[in-house]
Protein backbone atom coordinates (compact mmCIF):
# COMPACT_ATOMS: atom_id res chain seq x y z
CA MET A 1 0.00 0.00 0.00
CA HIS A 2 1.31 3.43 -0.93
CA LYS A 3 1.81 6.01 1.80
CA ASN A 4 -0.88 8.26 0.45
CA ASP A 5 -3.26 5.28 0.36
CA SER A 6 -3.01 4.81 4.13
CA SER A 7 -3.85 8.45 4.80
CA GLU A 8 -6.91 8.14 2.55
CA VAL A 9 -7.88 4.93 4.33
CA LEU A 10 -7.83 6.60 7.74
CA GLU A 11 -10.28 9.24 6.48
CA HIS A 12 -12.90 6.58 5.68
CA LYS A 13 -16.28 7.52 7.16
CA SER A 14 -18.80 4.99 8.45
CA VAL A 15 -22.18 5.30 6.73
CA MET A 16 -25.21 6.19 8.91
CA LEU A 17 -23.27 5.43 12.09
CA ARG A 18 -25.79 7.06 14.45
CA GLU A 19 -28.78 5.40 12.76
CA CYS A 20 -27.09 1.97 12.85
CA LEU A 21 -26.34 2.31 16.55
CA ASP A 22 -29.88 3.51 17.30
CA TYR A 23 -31.45 0.43 15.68
CA LEU A 24 -28.83 -2.01 17.01
CA ASP A 25 -29.57 -0.68 20.51
CA VAL A 26 -26.42 -2.33 21.89
CA LYS A 27 -26.43 -2.77 25.67
CA GLU A 28 -23.64 -3.35 28.15
CA GLY A 29 -22.62 -7.00 28.48
CA GLU A 30 -24.15 -8.13 25.18
CA ILE A 31 -22.58 -10.33 22.50
CA VAL A 32 -22.61 -8.47 19.18
CA VAL A 33 -21.37 -9.12 15.64
CA ASP A 34 -20.18 -6.78 12.90
CA CYS A 35 -20.26 -8.90 9.75
CA THR A 36 -18.26 -6.34 7.77
CA LEU A 37 -15.46 -4.88 9.89
CA GLY A 38 -14.02 -2.55 7.23
CA LEU A 39 -11.79 -0.09 9.04
CA GLY A 40 -13.61 -0.54 12.32
CA GLY A 41 -15.87 2.53 12.46
CA HIS A 42 -19.07 0.69 13.37
CA SER A 43 -17.17 -2.02 15.27
CA SER A 44 -15.38 0.47 17.52
CA GLU A 45 -18.68 2.01 18.63
CA MET A 46 -20.29 -1.39 19.15
CA LEU A 47 -17.28 -2.43 21.26
CA ARG A 48 -17.57 0.73 23.33
CA LEU A 49 -21.27 0.10 23.98
CA VAL A 50 -20.94 -3.54 25.10
CA GLY A 51 -18.33 -2.48 27.68
CA PRO A 52 -15.75 -4.77 29.29
CA LYS A 53 -18.34 -7.46 30.15
CA GLY A 54 -19.57 -7.81 26.56
CA LYS A 55 -17.96 -9.27 23.46
CA LEU A 56 -17.63 -8.15 19.83
CA PHE A 57 -16.97 -10.46 16.88
CA SER A 58 -16.03 -8.77 13.60
CA PHE A 59 -15.72 -10.47 10.21
CA ASP A 60 -13.81 -9.27 7.15
CA LEU A 61 -12.32 -10.86 4.03
CA ASP A 62 -9.79 -8.08 3.49
CA GLU A 63 -6.52 -8.48 5.40
CA ARG A 64 -5.58 -4.85 4.71
CA ASN A 65 -8.79 -3.59 6.27
CA ILE A 66 -8.17 -5.79 9.30
CA ALA A 67 -4.63 -4.44 9.76
CA VAL A 68 -5.96 -0.87 9.87
CA ALA A 69 -9.00 -1.70 12.03
CA ILE A 70 -7.23 -3.55 14.86
CA PRO A 71 -5.47 -0.47 16.32
CA ASN A 72 -8.81 1.37 16.20
CA LEU A 73 -10.43 -1.44 18.20
CA ASP A 74 -7.49 -1.68 20.61
CA ALA A 75 -8.03 1.98 21.47
CA VAL A 76 -11.49 1.06 22.80
CA GLY A 77 -10.95 -2.33 24.47
CA ASN A 78 -9.63 -5.85 24.09
CA ASN A 79 -12.83 -7.87 24.43
CA TYR A 80 -13.17 -8.48 20.70
CA LYS A 81 -12.27 -11.12 18.12
CA VAL A 82 -11.55 -10.35 14.47
CA ILE A 83 -12.27 -13.24 12.11
CA HIS A 84 -10.68 -13.24 8.63
CA ASP A 85 -13.53 -14.94 6.80
CA SER A 86 -16.77 -14.29 4.94
CA PHE A 87 -19.95 -13.74 6.93
CA SER A 88 -21.34 -16.66 4.92
CA SER A 89 -19.44 -18.78 7.50
CA LEU A 90 -21.01 -16.86 10.40
CA LYS A 91 -22.62 -19.76 12.25
CA ASN A 92 -19.68 -22.17 12.05
CA ARG A 93 -17.07 -19.56 12.98
CA LEU A 94 -19.06 -18.40 16.00
CA LYS A 95 -19.66 -22.02 17.02
CA ARG A 96 -15.88 -22.44 17.20
CA GLU A 97 -15.86 -19.55 19.68
CA GLY A 98 -18.54 -21.23 21.79
CA VAL A 99 -21.22 -18.74 20.71
CA SER A 100 -24.71 -19.94 19.73
CA ARG A 101 -26.74 -16.80 20.52
CA VAL A 102 -26.09 -13.16 19.61
CA ASP A 103 -27.82 -9.96 20.73
CA ALA A 104 -27.14 -7.63 17.78
CA ILE A 105 -25.77 -8.12 14.26
CA LEU A 106 -24.74 -5.53 11.66
CA PHE A 107 -24.18 -5.98 7.91
CA ASP A 108 -22.63 -3.04 6.01
CA LEU A 109 -22.59 -4.44 2.48
CA GLY A 110 -20.63 -3.49 -0.59
CA LEU A 111 -17.46 -1.50 -1.10
CA SER A 112 -15.51 0.47 1.46
CA SER A 113 -13.67 3.66 0.53
CA PRO A 114 -10.22 1.98 0.60
CA HIS A 115 -11.36 -0.47 -2.07
CA ILE A 116 -12.24 2.41 -4.36
CA ASP A 117 -9.24 4.58 -3.47
CA ASP A 118 -6.62 1.88 -4.10
CA ALA A 119 -6.35 1.50 -7.89
CA ALA A 120 -4.44 -1.77 -7.46
CA ARG A 121 -7.61 -3.46 -6.16
CA GLY A 122 -9.35 -2.96 -9.52
CA PHE A 123 -12.77 -1.91 -8.20
CA SER A 124 -12.91 1.57 -9.76
CA PHE A 125 -12.82 2.67 -13.39
CA GLN A 126 -11.77 6.19 -12.36
CA LYS A 127 -8.15 5.06 -11.98
CA ASP A 128 -6.13 2.52 -13.96
CA GLY A 129 -5.45 -0.78 -12.25
CA PRO A 130 -5.58 -4.56 -12.75
CA LEU A 131 -8.96 -6.23 -13.21
CA ASP A 132 -8.98 -7.88 -9.79
CA MET A 133 -12.03 -6.89 -7.67
CA ARG A 134 -11.53 -9.56 -4.97
CA PHE A 135 -12.35 -8.59 -1.38
CA ASP A 136 -9.91 -11.31 -0.29
CA ALA A 137 -6.90 -10.69 -2.51
CA THR A 138 -5.32 -13.99 -1.43
CA GLN A 139 -7.73 -16.36 -3.16
CA GLY A 140 -10.43 -16.83 -5.79
CA GLU A 141 -11.09 -15.71 -9.34
CA THR A 142 -10.40 -12.17 -10.48
CA ALA A 143 -12.62 -10.07 -12.76
CA ALA A 144 -10.18 -10.78 -15.61
CA ASP A 145 -10.55 -14.52 -14.98
CA ILE A 146 -14.32 -14.22 -15.31
CA LEU A 147 -14.14 -12.08 -18.45
CA HIS A 148 -11.90 -14.67 -20.12
CA GLY A 149 -13.30 -17.85 -18.58
CA ARG A 150 -17.07 -17.56 -19.01
CA THR A 151 -19.17 -18.36 -22.07
CA GLU A 152 -21.10 -15.69 -23.93
CA SER A 153 -24.39 -16.69 -22.28
CA GLU A 154 -22.80 -16.81 -18.82
CA LEU A 155 -21.36 -13.31 -19.24
CA ALA A 156 -24.70 -12.02 -20.51
CA ASP A 157 -26.43 -13.45 -17.43
CA ILE A 158 -23.87 -11.84 -15.09
CA PHE A 159 -24.38 -8.41 -16.68
CA TYR A 160 -28.18 -8.77 -16.82
CA TYR A 161 -28.89 -10.21 -13.37
CA PHE A 162 -26.10 -8.60 -11.33
CA GLY A 163 -25.82 -5.32 -13.24
CA GLU A 164 -29.43 -5.04 -14.46
CA GLU A 165 -28.02 -4.14 -17.88
CA ARG A 166 -30.64 -4.71 -20.60
CA ARG A 167 -28.02 -4.71 -23.36
CA SER A 168 -26.11 -7.55 -21.72
CA ARG A 169 -26.12 -9.83 -24.76
CA ARG A 170 -24.64 -7.15 -26.99
CA LEU A 171 -21.78 -6.58 -24.57
CA ALA A 172 -21.16 -10.30 -23.99
CA LYS A 173 -20.95 -10.94 -27.74
CA ALA A 174 -18.47 -8.07 -28.17
CA ILE A 175 -16.32 -9.44 -25.33
CA ILE A 176 -16.15 -12.89 -26.95
CA GLU A 177 -15.02 -11.28 -30.23
CA PHE A 178 -12.40 -9.18 -28.44
CA ARG A 179 -11.09 -12.26 -26.60
CA LYS A 180 -10.15 -13.89 -29.89
CA LYS A 181 -7.40 -11.34 -30.47
CA ALA A 182 -6.49 -9.74 -27.12
CA ARG A 183 -6.88 -9.82 -23.32
CA PHE A 184 -8.60 -7.50 -20.90
CA GLU A 185 -5.83 -6.33 -18.58
CA SER A 186 -6.87 -3.09 -16.88
CA THR A 187 -9.86 -1.18 -15.51
CA LEU A 188 -9.53 1.77 -17.90
CA GLN A 189 -9.19 -0.58 -20.87
CA LEU A 190 -12.44 -2.30 -19.88
CA ARG A 191 -14.18 1.03 -19.23
CA ASP A 192 -13.24 2.29 -22.70
CA PHE A 193 -14.37 -0.99 -24.26
CA ILE A 194 -17.77 -0.76 -22.52
CA THR A 195 -18.12 2.86 -23.69
CA GLU A 196 -17.38 1.80 -27.26
CA VAL A 197 -20.01 -0.97 -27.18
CA LEU A 198 -22.76 0.60 -25.03
CA GLY A 199 -22.04 4.32 -25.19
CA LYS A 200 -21.05 6.52 -22.27
CA GLY A 201 -24.39 6.30 -20.48
CA LYS A 202 -26.67 8.86 -18.87
CA PRO A 203 -25.39 12.04 -17.20
CA GLY A 204 -24.16 11.17 -13.73
CA LYS A 205 -23.98 7.42 -14.38
CA HIS A 206 -21.39 5.92 -16.72
CA SER A 207 -22.45 2.77 -18.57
CA ALA A 208 -19.47 0.97 -16.99
CA THR A 209 -20.93 1.44 -13.48
CA CYS A 210 -23.40 -1.45 -13.70
CA ILE A 211 -20.92 -3.72 -15.49
CA PHE A 212 -18.23 -3.19 -12.85
CA GLN A 213 -20.87 -3.83 -10.16
CA ALA A 214 -21.92 -7.05 -11.90
CA LEU A 215 -18.34 -8.31 -12.17
CA ARG A 216 -17.63 -7.45 -8.52
CA ILE A 217 -20.74 -9.33 -7.37
CA ALA A 218 -19.75 -12.35 -9.48
CA VAL A 219 -16.12 -12.33 -8.31
CA ASN A 220 -17.04 -12.22 -4.62
CA LYS A 221 -20.27 -14.27 -4.87
CA GLU A 222 -21.89 -11.44 -2.93
CA LEU A 223 -25.55 -12.39 -3.27
CA GLU A 224 -24.85 -16.01 -2.31
CA ALA A 225 -22.88 -14.79 0.72
CA LEU A 226 -25.70 -12.41 1.70
CA GLU A 227 -28.34 -15.15 1.52
CA LEU A 228 -26.23 -17.53 3.62
CA GLY A 229 -25.04 -14.88 6.08
CA LEU A 230 -28.39 -13.20 6.68
CA ASN A 231 -30.24 -16.48 7.21
CA GLN A 232 -27.57 -17.64 9.67
CA ALA A 233 -27.68 -14.27 11.45
CA LEU A 234 -31.45 -14.48 11.92
CA GLU A 235 -31.07 -18.02 13.27
CA LEU A 236 -28.37 -16.89 15.74
CA LEU A 237 -30.28 -13.89 17.10
CA ALA A 238 -31.51 -14.23 20.68
CA HIS A 239 -35.04 -13.23 21.71
CA ASP A 240 -35.34 -9.45 21.20
CA GLY A 241 -32.03 -9.50 19.26
CA ARG A 242 -31.61 -6.83 16.57
CA VAL A 243 -30.26 -7.07 13.02
CA VAL A 244 -29.37 -4.05 10.87
CA VAL A 245 -28.47 -4.22 7.17
CA LEU A 246 -26.97 -1.39 5.12
CA SER A 247 -27.27 -2.12 1.39
CA TYR A 248 -26.05 -0.10 -1.57
CA HIS A 249 -27.86 -1.40 -4.62
CA SER A 250 -31.35 -2.66 -5.45
CA LEU A 251 -30.40 -6.35 -5.67
CA GLU A 252 -29.19 -6.42 -2.06
CA ASP A 253 -32.02 -4.26 -0.74
CA ARG A 254 -34.67 -6.33 -2.53
CA PHE A 255 -33.37 -9.55 -0.99
CA VAL A 256 -33.20 -8.07 2.52
CA LYS A 257 -36.69 -6.58 2.18
CA GLN A 258 -38.20 -9.87 0.99
CA THR A 259 -36.44 -11.92 3.69
CA PHE A 260 -37.54 -9.59 6.49
CA LYS A 261 -41.10 -9.36 5.16
CA GLN A 262 -41.42 -13.14 4.82
CA LEU A 263 -40.25 -13.79 8.39
CA ALA A 264 -42.34 -10.94 9.83
CA THR A 265 -45.54 -12.65 8.58
CA ASP A 266 -47.21 -15.88 9.69
CA LEU A 267 -46.96 -18.57 7.03
CA ARG A 268 -50.49 -19.96 6.74
CA ASP A 269 -51.62 -23.23 5.22
CA PRO A 270 -52.89 -22.48 1.69
CA ASN A 271 -55.12 -25.58 1.92
CA ASP A 272 -56.95 -24.26 4.98
CA PRO A 273 -60.16 -22.64 3.66
CA PHE A 274 -60.37 -20.41 6.73
CA GLY A 275 -56.68 -19.38 6.66
CA ARG A 276 -56.30 -20.10 10.35
CA ARG A 277 -53.73 -22.90 10.34
CA VAL A 278 -50.25 -21.42 10.82
CA LEU A 279 -47.44 -23.53 9.38
CA ARG A 280 -44.70 -21.19 10.59
CA PRO A 281 -45.31 -18.33 13.02
CA LYS A 282 -43.61 -15.03 12.33
CA SER A 283 -40.17 -14.74 13.91
CA LEU A 284 -39.29 -11.10 13.18
CA SER A 285 -40.71 -7.67 13.91
CA LEU A 286 -39.82 -4.94 11.40
CA LEU A 287 -38.26 -1.91 13.07
CA ASN A 288 -38.73 0.22 9.95
CA LYS A 289 -41.24 -0.56 7.20
CA LYS A 290 -39.52 1.74 4.73
CA PRO A 291 -35.73 1.87 4.40
CA ILE A 292 -33.85 4.66 6.17
CA THR A 293 -31.60 6.78 3.94
CA ALA A 294 -28.76 9.12 4.79
CA SER A 295 -29.41 12.79 5.52
CA PRO A 296 -28.51 15.43 2.90
CA GLU A 297 -25.78 16.62 5.28
CA GLU A 298 -24.17 13.18 5.47
CA ILE A 299 -24.38 12.69 1.70
CA ALA A 300 -22.65 16.06 1.19
CA ASP A 301 -19.90 14.91 3.56
CA ASN A 302 -19.69 11.29 2.33
CA SER A 303 -20.84 10.52 -1.22
CA ARG A 304 -20.81 6.76 -0.50
CA ALA A 305 -23.87 7.27 1.71
CA ARG A 306 -25.99 8.44 -1.25
CA SER A 307 -27.15 4.97 -2.30
CA ALA A 308 -27.28 3.43 1.19
CA LYS A 309 -30.51 1.96 2.54
CA LEU A 310 -30.91 0.76 6.12
CA ARG A 311 -33.36 -1.96 7.14
CA ALA A 312 -33.70 -3.28 10.69
CA ALA A 313 -35.64 -6.02 12.44
CA LYS A 314 -36.02 -7.58 15.90
CA LYS A 315 -36.22 -11.30 16.71
CA LEU A 316 -39.47 -12.35 18.37
């Protein structure tokens, strides 16, 4: 990491920190989990609130984030455990720590500022860098691997379902033709290629935005991880336990909304003509029916907060 990168990293701002803490309602002595440690902004406050008798577990795939976050946590207390793993392994990793019930769980999904600021990570098309996009840079396929290893139909599906790009087949076909004579090596090269095939896009949103999002989701298997992690989190929550999810695009928010809504409603037997037989009683209470968004003041101070949506629920 370059010297100027570390100074940028330390200026990273946690999104909707006050709102997250309000809904998490962390109390002294509780066991709490931050599924996305990042640089430790949310985790540090959660650790402060549980006090010396509580315990914080924080997950992150990015070793660089962890290295920056640990001193921030140490400044608050030592009753925490950082786990270098995906939150899709939440239940098993906590079981190893002897934990089967949790009082509050936070998910802050998507990119952190350091991912965008460090061109070498390959997440941004504003700076030139390798087509990597892995949260855990030590393992797994890169974005370049996917661009060169998937079939035309597989690429089209990635762009359509993960990027919601209606012209996905046109782009996938162009990529296959390009692959016959050259390789995709860098972020700016891919951005320019997308511009050539799809045009620059609407004012304020480059056409490459959705494609980079789609590749990032595919590289990190983000939606699979969210489904596994959120379901495990809801299973782990104690009675009256709280879960808060910050999402940054419609695919994530839609899944969280549907999951919460489904579990906040009794599942009734469709064969019961009176609709009285409950097959599965509701297990959640929604703490906000509509998602909370960042204030204009926060968005002006932190552009990453613009697309953030917060949903919260309590275990019954």
